Amino acid sequence: MAWLFLIIAGLTEIIWAIGLKEANGFTELVPSIITIVFLIVSFFLFAKAMKTIPIGTAYAIFTGIGAAGTVVVGILWFQEAVSFGKLFFLCLLLFGIIGLKLVDDEEEDA
């Protein structure tokens, strides 16, 4: 269940990161409220996940999901520039996230 909490926390991080952009410095009411709500949900789930997942692994995966997802949304929604380098390092980030999960699973089995 902790891994599910962590994944959802990372996904909600994407929402509040986008909300920060849309809130325009917290001058737009609805995006500001959405940002604050999802920020609270994100950190609540992240904290629940850290009850059983090591902090280093949990934090790296949490921020990795948020960062990678925000890059993808930026490309698709905000028409941000796409380059080979950006895609390469995005894939590298995703492989790192997967690797941390696999290493953590191995350590639990040992």
N, C-alpha and C. Protein backbone atom coordinates (compact mmCIF):
# COMPACT_ATOMS: atom_id res chain seq x y z
N MET A 1 0.82 -1.20 0.00
CA MET A 1 0.00 0.00 0.00
C MET A 1 0.86 1.26 0.00
N ALA A 2 2.03 1.18 0.65
CA ALA A 2 2.91 2.35 0.71
C ALA A 2 3.37 2.78 -0.68
N TRP A 3 3.63 1.79 -1.55
CA TRP A 3 4.07 2.14 -2.91
C TRP A 3 2.94 2.83 -3.68
N LEU A 4 1.72 2.40 -3.46
CA LEU A 4 0.58 3.06 -4.11
C LEU A 4 0.45 4.49 -3.61
N PHE A 5 0.60 4.68 -2.30
CA PHE A 5 0.58 6.04 -1.74
C PHE A 5 1.67 6.90 -2.38
N LEU A 6 2.85 6.33 -2.54
CA LEU A 6 3.98 7.08 -3.10
C LEU A 6 3.73 7.46 -4.55
N ILE A 7 3.21 6.53 -5.33
CA ILE A 7 2.92 6.82 -6.75
C ILE A 7 1.86 7.90 -6.87
N ILE A 8 0.79 7.78 -6.09
CA ILE A 8 -0.27 8.80 -6.13
C ILE A 8 0.27 10.15 -5.65
N ALA A 9 1.12 10.13 -4.63
CA ALA A 9 1.73 11.37 -4.14
C ALA A 9 2.54 12.04 -5.26
N GLY A 10 3.31 11.24 -6.00
CA GLY A 10 4.08 11.79 -7.11
C GLY A 10 3.19 12.36 -8.21
N LEU A 11 2.09 11.67 -8.49
CA LEU A 11 1.17 12.16 -9.52
C LEU A 11 0.47 13.45 -9.08
N THR A 12 0.12 13.52 -7.79
CA THR A 12 -0.51 14.75 -7.32
C THR A 12 0.50 15.90 -7.27
N GLU A 13 1.78 15.57 -7.15
CA GLU A 13 2.81 16.61 -7.23
C GLU A 13 2.80 17.29 -8.60
N ILE A 14 2.54 16.50 -9.64
CA ILE A 14 2.44 17.07 -10.99
C ILE A 14 1.31 18.10 -11.03
N ILE A 15 0.18 17.74 -10.43
CA ILE A 15 -0.98 18.64 -10.46
C ILE A 15 -0.67 19.95 -9.74
N TRP A 16 -0.06 19.87 -8.54
CA TRP A 16 0.20 21.13 -7.84
C TRP A 16 1.32 21.92 -8.49
N ALA A 17 2.25 21.27 -9.16
CA ALA A 17 3.28 22.01 -9.88
C ALA A 17 2.67 22.80 -11.04
N ILE A 18 1.76 22.18 -11.76
CA ILE A 18 1.05 22.87 -12.84
C ILE A 18 0.19 23.99 -12.25
N GLY A 19 -0.43 23.68 -11.11
CA GLY A 19 -1.24 24.69 -10.43
C GLY A 19 -0.44 25.92 -10.07
N LEU A 20 0.81 25.72 -9.66
CA LEU A 20 1.66 26.88 -9.35
C LEU A 20 1.80 27.80 -10.55
N LYS A 21 1.98 27.19 -11.73
CA LYS A 21 2.11 28.00 -12.95
C LYS A 21 0.79 28.71 -13.25
N GLU A 22 -0.30 27.98 -13.14
CA GLU A 22 -1.61 28.54 -13.46
C GLU A 22 -2.09 29.56 -12.42
N ALA A 23 -1.62 29.43 -11.19
CA ALA A 23 -2.03 30.35 -10.12
C ALA A 23 -1.42 31.73 -10.30
N ASN A 24 -0.42 31.83 -11.16
CA ASN A 24 0.17 33.13 -11.48
C ASN A 24 0.59 33.90 -10.23
N GLY A 25 1.46 33.24 -9.44
CA GLY A 25 1.91 33.89 -8.21
C GLY A 25 0.82 33.98 -7.16
N PHE A 26 -0.08 33.03 -7.16
CA PHE A 26 -1.23 32.99 -6.24
C PHE A 26 -2.13 34.21 -6.39
N THR A 27 -2.23 34.72 -7.60
CA THR A 27 -3.15 35.83 -7.87
C THR A 27 -4.46 35.36 -8.49
N GLU A 28 -4.50 34.10 -8.92
CA GLU A 28 -5.72 33.50 -9.49
C GLU A 28 -6.32 32.57 -8.44
N LEU A 29 -7.55 32.83 -8.02
CA LEU A 29 -8.16 32.14 -6.88
C LEU A 29 -8.30 30.63 -7.09
N VAL A 30 -8.99 30.22 -8.14
CA VAL A 30 -9.27 28.78 -8.32
C VAL A 30 -7.99 27.97 -8.49
N PRO A 31 -7.08 28.36 -9.38
CA PRO A 31 -5.83 27.59 -9.47
C PRO A 31 -5.04 27.59 -8.16
N SER A 32 -5.11 28.67 -7.40
CA SER A 32 -4.41 28.74 -6.11
C SER A 32 -4.99 27.73 -5.13
N ILE A 33 -6.31 27.63 -5.08
CA ILE A 33 -6.96 26.68 -4.19
C ILE A 33 -6.63 25.25 -4.61
N ILE A 34 -6.71 24.97 -5.90
CA ILE A 34 -6.37 23.63 -6.42
C ILE A 34 -4.93 23.28 -6.06
N THR A 35 -4.03 24.23 -6.23
CA THR A 35 -2.62 24.00 -5.90
C THR A 35 -2.45 23.64 -4.44
N ILE A 36 -3.05 24.40 -3.56
CA ILE A 36 -2.91 24.17 -2.11
C ILE A 36 -3.51 22.83 -1.71
N VAL A 37 -4.68 22.51 -2.25
CA VAL A 37 -5.33 21.23 -1.92
C VAL A 37 -4.45 20.06 -2.36
N PHE A 38 -3.96 20.10 -3.61
CA PHE A 38 -3.14 19.00 -4.09
C PHE A 38 -1.77 18.95 -3.42
N LEU A 39 -1.27 20.07 -2.99
CA LEU A 39 -0.01 20.09 -2.25
C LEU A 39 -0.18 19.36 -0.91
N ILE A 40 -1.29 19.64 -0.25
CA ILE A 40 -1.57 18.97 1.03
C ILE A 40 -1.77 17.47 0.82
N VAL A 41 -2.56 17.10 -0.18
CA VAL A 41 -2.79 15.68 -0.46
C VAL A 41 -1.47 14.98 -0.80
N SER A 42 -0.68 15.62 -1.64
CA SER A 42 0.59 15.05 -2.07
C SER A 42 1.51 14.76 -0.88
N PHE A 43 1.67 15.74 0.00
CA PHE A 43 2.57 15.55 1.14
C PHE A 43 1.99 14.60 2.18
N PHE A 44 0.67 14.56 2.32
CA PHE A 44 0.04 13.61 3.22
C PHE A 44 0.34 12.17 2.76
N LEU A 45 0.13 11.91 1.47
CA LEU A 45 0.39 10.57 0.94
C LEU A 45 1.87 10.22 0.98
N PHE A 46 2.71 11.21 0.70
CA PHE A 46 4.16 11.02 0.77
C PHE A 46 4.57 10.62 2.20
N ALA A 47 4.03 11.30 3.17
CA ALA A 47 4.34 10.99 4.57
C ALA A 47 3.87 9.58 4.94
N LYS A 48 2.69 9.19 4.47
CA LYS A 48 2.19 7.84 4.74
C LYS A 48 3.10 6.79 4.11
N ALA A 49 3.58 7.06 2.91
CA ALA A 49 4.46 6.12 2.21
C ALA A 49 5.78 5.94 2.96
N MET A 50 6.27 7.02 3.56
CA MET A 50 7.56 6.96 4.25
C MET A 50 7.51 6.19 5.56
N LYS A 51 6.34 5.76 5.98
CA LYS A 51 6.26 4.93 7.18
C LYS A 51 6.97 3.59 6.95
N THR A 52 6.97 3.12 5.70
CA THR A 52 7.59 1.81 5.42
C THR A 52 8.66 1.86 4.33
N ILE A 53 8.67 2.88 3.51
CA ILE A 53 9.67 2.98 2.44
C ILE A 53 10.81 3.86 2.95
N PRO A 54 12.07 3.44 2.75
CA PRO A 54 13.19 4.27 3.21
C PRO A 54 13.11 5.70 2.64
N ILE A 55 13.47 6.68 3.46
CA ILE A 55 13.29 8.08 3.09
C ILE A 55 14.02 8.46 1.79
N GLY A 56 15.24 7.97 1.61
CA GLY A 56 15.99 8.31 0.40
C GLY A 56 15.31 7.80 -0.85
N THR A 57 14.87 6.56 -0.80
CA THR A 57 14.16 5.96 -1.94
C THR A 57 12.84 6.67 -2.16
N ALA A 58 12.08 6.89 -1.10
CA ALA A 58 10.77 7.52 -1.21
C ALA A 58 10.89 8.93 -1.80
N TYR A 59 11.85 9.71 -1.29
CA TYR A 59 11.98 11.08 -1.76
C TYR A 59 12.42 11.13 -3.22
N ALA A 60 13.37 10.29 -3.59
CA ALA A 60 13.84 10.27 -4.97
C ALA A 60 12.73 9.88 -5.93
N ILE A 61 11.93 8.90 -5.56
CA ILE A 61 10.84 8.47 -6.43
C ILE A 61 9.73 9.51 -6.47
N PHE A 62 9.39 10.07 -5.33
CA PHE A 62 8.36 11.11 -5.24
C PHE A 62 8.71 12.30 -6.14
N THR A 63 9.91 12.82 -5.97
CA THR A 63 10.31 13.98 -6.78
C THR A 63 10.55 13.59 -8.23
N GLY A 64 11.02 12.37 -8.46
CA GLY A 64 11.24 11.91 -9.83
C GLY A 64 9.95 11.82 -10.62
N ILE A 65 8.93 11.24 -10.01
CA ILE A 65 7.62 11.16 -10.68
C ILE A 65 7.10 12.56 -10.95
N GLY A 66 7.20 13.43 -9.95
CA GLY A 66 6.73 14.81 -10.12
C GLY A 66 7.49 15.55 -11.21
N ALA A 67 8.81 15.42 -11.20
CA ALA A 67 9.63 16.13 -12.19
C ALA A 67 9.39 15.59 -13.59
N ALA A 68 9.42 14.28 -13.74
CA ALA A 68 9.22 13.68 -15.07
C ALA A 68 7.82 14.00 -15.60
N GLY A 69 6.83 13.85 -14.75
CA GLY A 69 5.46 14.15 -15.17
C GLY A 69 5.26 15.60 -15.54
N THR A 70 5.89 16.48 -14.79
CA THR A 70 5.76 17.91 -15.07
C THR A 70 6.44 18.26 -16.39
N VAL A 71 7.56 17.63 -16.70
CA VAL A 71 8.22 17.84 -17.99
C VAL A 71 7.30 17.39 -19.13
N VAL A 72 6.70 16.22 -18.98
CA VAL A 72 5.81 15.70 -20.03
C VAL A 72 4.61 16.63 -20.20
N VAL A 73 4.00 17.06 -19.11
CA VAL A 73 2.86 17.98 -19.20
C VAL A 73 3.30 19.30 -19.83
N GLY A 74 4.47 19.79 -19.45
CA GLY A 74 4.98 21.02 -20.05
C GLY A 74 5.11 20.91 -21.56
N ILE A 75 5.57 19.76 -22.03
CA ILE A 75 5.72 19.54 -23.47
C ILE A 75 4.36 19.45 -24.14
N LEU A 76 3.46 18.65 -23.56
CA LEU A 76 2.17 18.40 -24.20
C LEU A 76 1.17 19.54 -24.03
N TRP A 77 1.12 20.17 -22.85
CA TRP A 77 0.10 21.16 -22.55
C TRP A 77 0.58 22.58 -22.82
N PHE A 78 1.82 22.86 -22.45
CA PHE A 78 2.33 24.23 -22.57
C PHE A 78 3.24 24.43 -23.79
N GLN A 79 3.30 23.42 -24.65
CA GLN A 79 4.11 23.48 -25.87
C GLN A 79 5.56 23.88 -25.61
N GLU A 80 6.13 23.36 -24.51
CA GLU A 80 7.54 23.63 -24.23
C GLU A 80 8.40 22.87 -25.24
N ALA A 81 9.59 23.36 -25.46
CA ALA A 81 10.48 22.79 -26.46
C ALA A 81 10.84 21.34 -26.13
N VAL A 82 10.96 20.54 -27.17
CA VAL A 82 11.38 19.15 -27.05
C VAL A 82 12.71 19.01 -27.77
N SER A 83 13.63 18.33 -27.11
CA SER A 83 14.93 18.09 -27.75
C SER A 83 15.35 16.67 -27.42
N PHE A 84 16.34 16.19 -28.17
CA PHE A 84 16.87 14.87 -27.90
C PHE A 84 17.41 14.81 -26.47
N GLY A 85 18.13 15.84 -26.07
CA GLY A 85 18.70 15.88 -24.73
C GLY A 85 17.65 15.81 -23.65
N LYS A 86 16.57 16.57 -23.81
CA LYS A 86 15.50 16.57 -22.81
C LYS A 86 14.87 15.18 -22.70
N LEU A 87 14.60 14.56 -23.84
CA LEU A 87 14.00 13.23 -23.82
C LEU A 87 14.97 12.18 -23.27
N PHE A 88 16.25 12.31 -23.61
CA PHE A 88 17.26 11.38 -23.12
C PHE A 88 17.33 11.42 -21.59
N PHE A 89 17.43 12.62 -21.05
CA PHE A 89 17.55 12.73 -19.59
C PHE A 89 16.25 12.42 -18.88
N LEU A 90 15.13 12.64 -19.53
CA LEU A 90 13.85 12.23 -18.96
C LEU A 90 13.80 10.71 -18.85
N CYS A 91 14.25 10.02 -19.89
CA CYS A 91 14.32 8.55 -19.84
C CYS A 91 15.30 8.08 -18.78
N LEU A 92 16.42 8.76 -18.67
CA LEU A 92 17.41 8.42 -17.65
C LEU A 92 16.80 8.56 -16.25
N LEU A 93 16.04 9.62 -16.03
CA LEU A 93 15.35 9.83 -14.76
C LEU A 93 14.37 8.70 -14.49
N LEU A 94 13.59 8.32 -15.49
CA LEU A 94 12.62 7.25 -15.31
C LEU A 94 13.30 5.92 -15.02
N PHE A 95 14.43 5.63 -15.70
CA PHE A 95 15.18 4.41 -15.41
C PHE A 95 15.71 4.43 -13.98
N GLY A 96 16.13 5.60 -13.50
CA GLY A 96 16.59 5.72 -12.13
C GLY A 96 15.48 5.43 -11.13
N ILE A 97 14.28 5.94 -11.41
CA ILE A 97 13.14 5.69 -10.54
C ILE A 97 12.83 4.20 -10.48
N ILE A 98 12.79 3.57 -11.64
CA ILE A 98 12.52 2.13 -11.71
C ILE A 98 13.62 1.36 -10.99
N GLY A 99 14.87 1.77 -11.20
CA GLY A 99 15.99 1.11 -10.54
C GLY A 99 15.91 1.19 -9.03
N LEU A 100 15.55 2.35 -8.50
CA LEU A 100 15.41 2.49 -7.05
C LEU A 100 14.33 1.56 -6.51
N LYS A 101 13.24 1.45 -7.22
CA LYS A 101 12.16 0.56 -6.80
C LYS A 101 12.65 -0.88 -6.80
N LEU A 102 13.36 -1.29 -7.84
CA LEU A 102 13.84 -2.67 -7.93
C LEU A 102 14.87 -2.98 -6.84
N VAL A 103 15.78 -2.05 -6.58
CA VAL A 103 16.78 -2.26 -5.54
C VAL A 103 16.11 -2.34 -4.18
N ASP A 104 15.11 -1.51 -3.94
CA ASP A 104 14.40 -1.54 -2.66
C ASP A 104 13.71 -2.88 -2.49
N ASP A 105 13.11 -3.41 -3.57
CA ASP A 105 12.45 -4.72 -3.49
C ASP A 105 13.45 -5.83 -3.17
N GLU A 106 14.65 -5.76 -3.76
CA GLU A 106 15.68 -6.76 -3.49
C GLU A 106 16.12 -6.72 -2.04
N GLU A 107 16.26 -5.51 -1.50
CA GLU A 107 16.69 -5.36 -0.10
C GLU A 107 15.64 -5.91 0.86
N GLU A 108 14.36 -5.77 0.49
CA GLU A 108 13.29 -6.31 1.34
C GLU A 108 13.30 -7.83 1.32
N ASP A 109 13.65 -8.43 0.17
CA ASP A 109 13.67 -9.89 0.05
C ASP A 109 14.87 -10.52 0.76
N ALA A 110 15.93 -9.74 0.95
CA ALA A 110 17.15 -10.30 1.56
C ALA A 110 17.03 -10.51 3.05
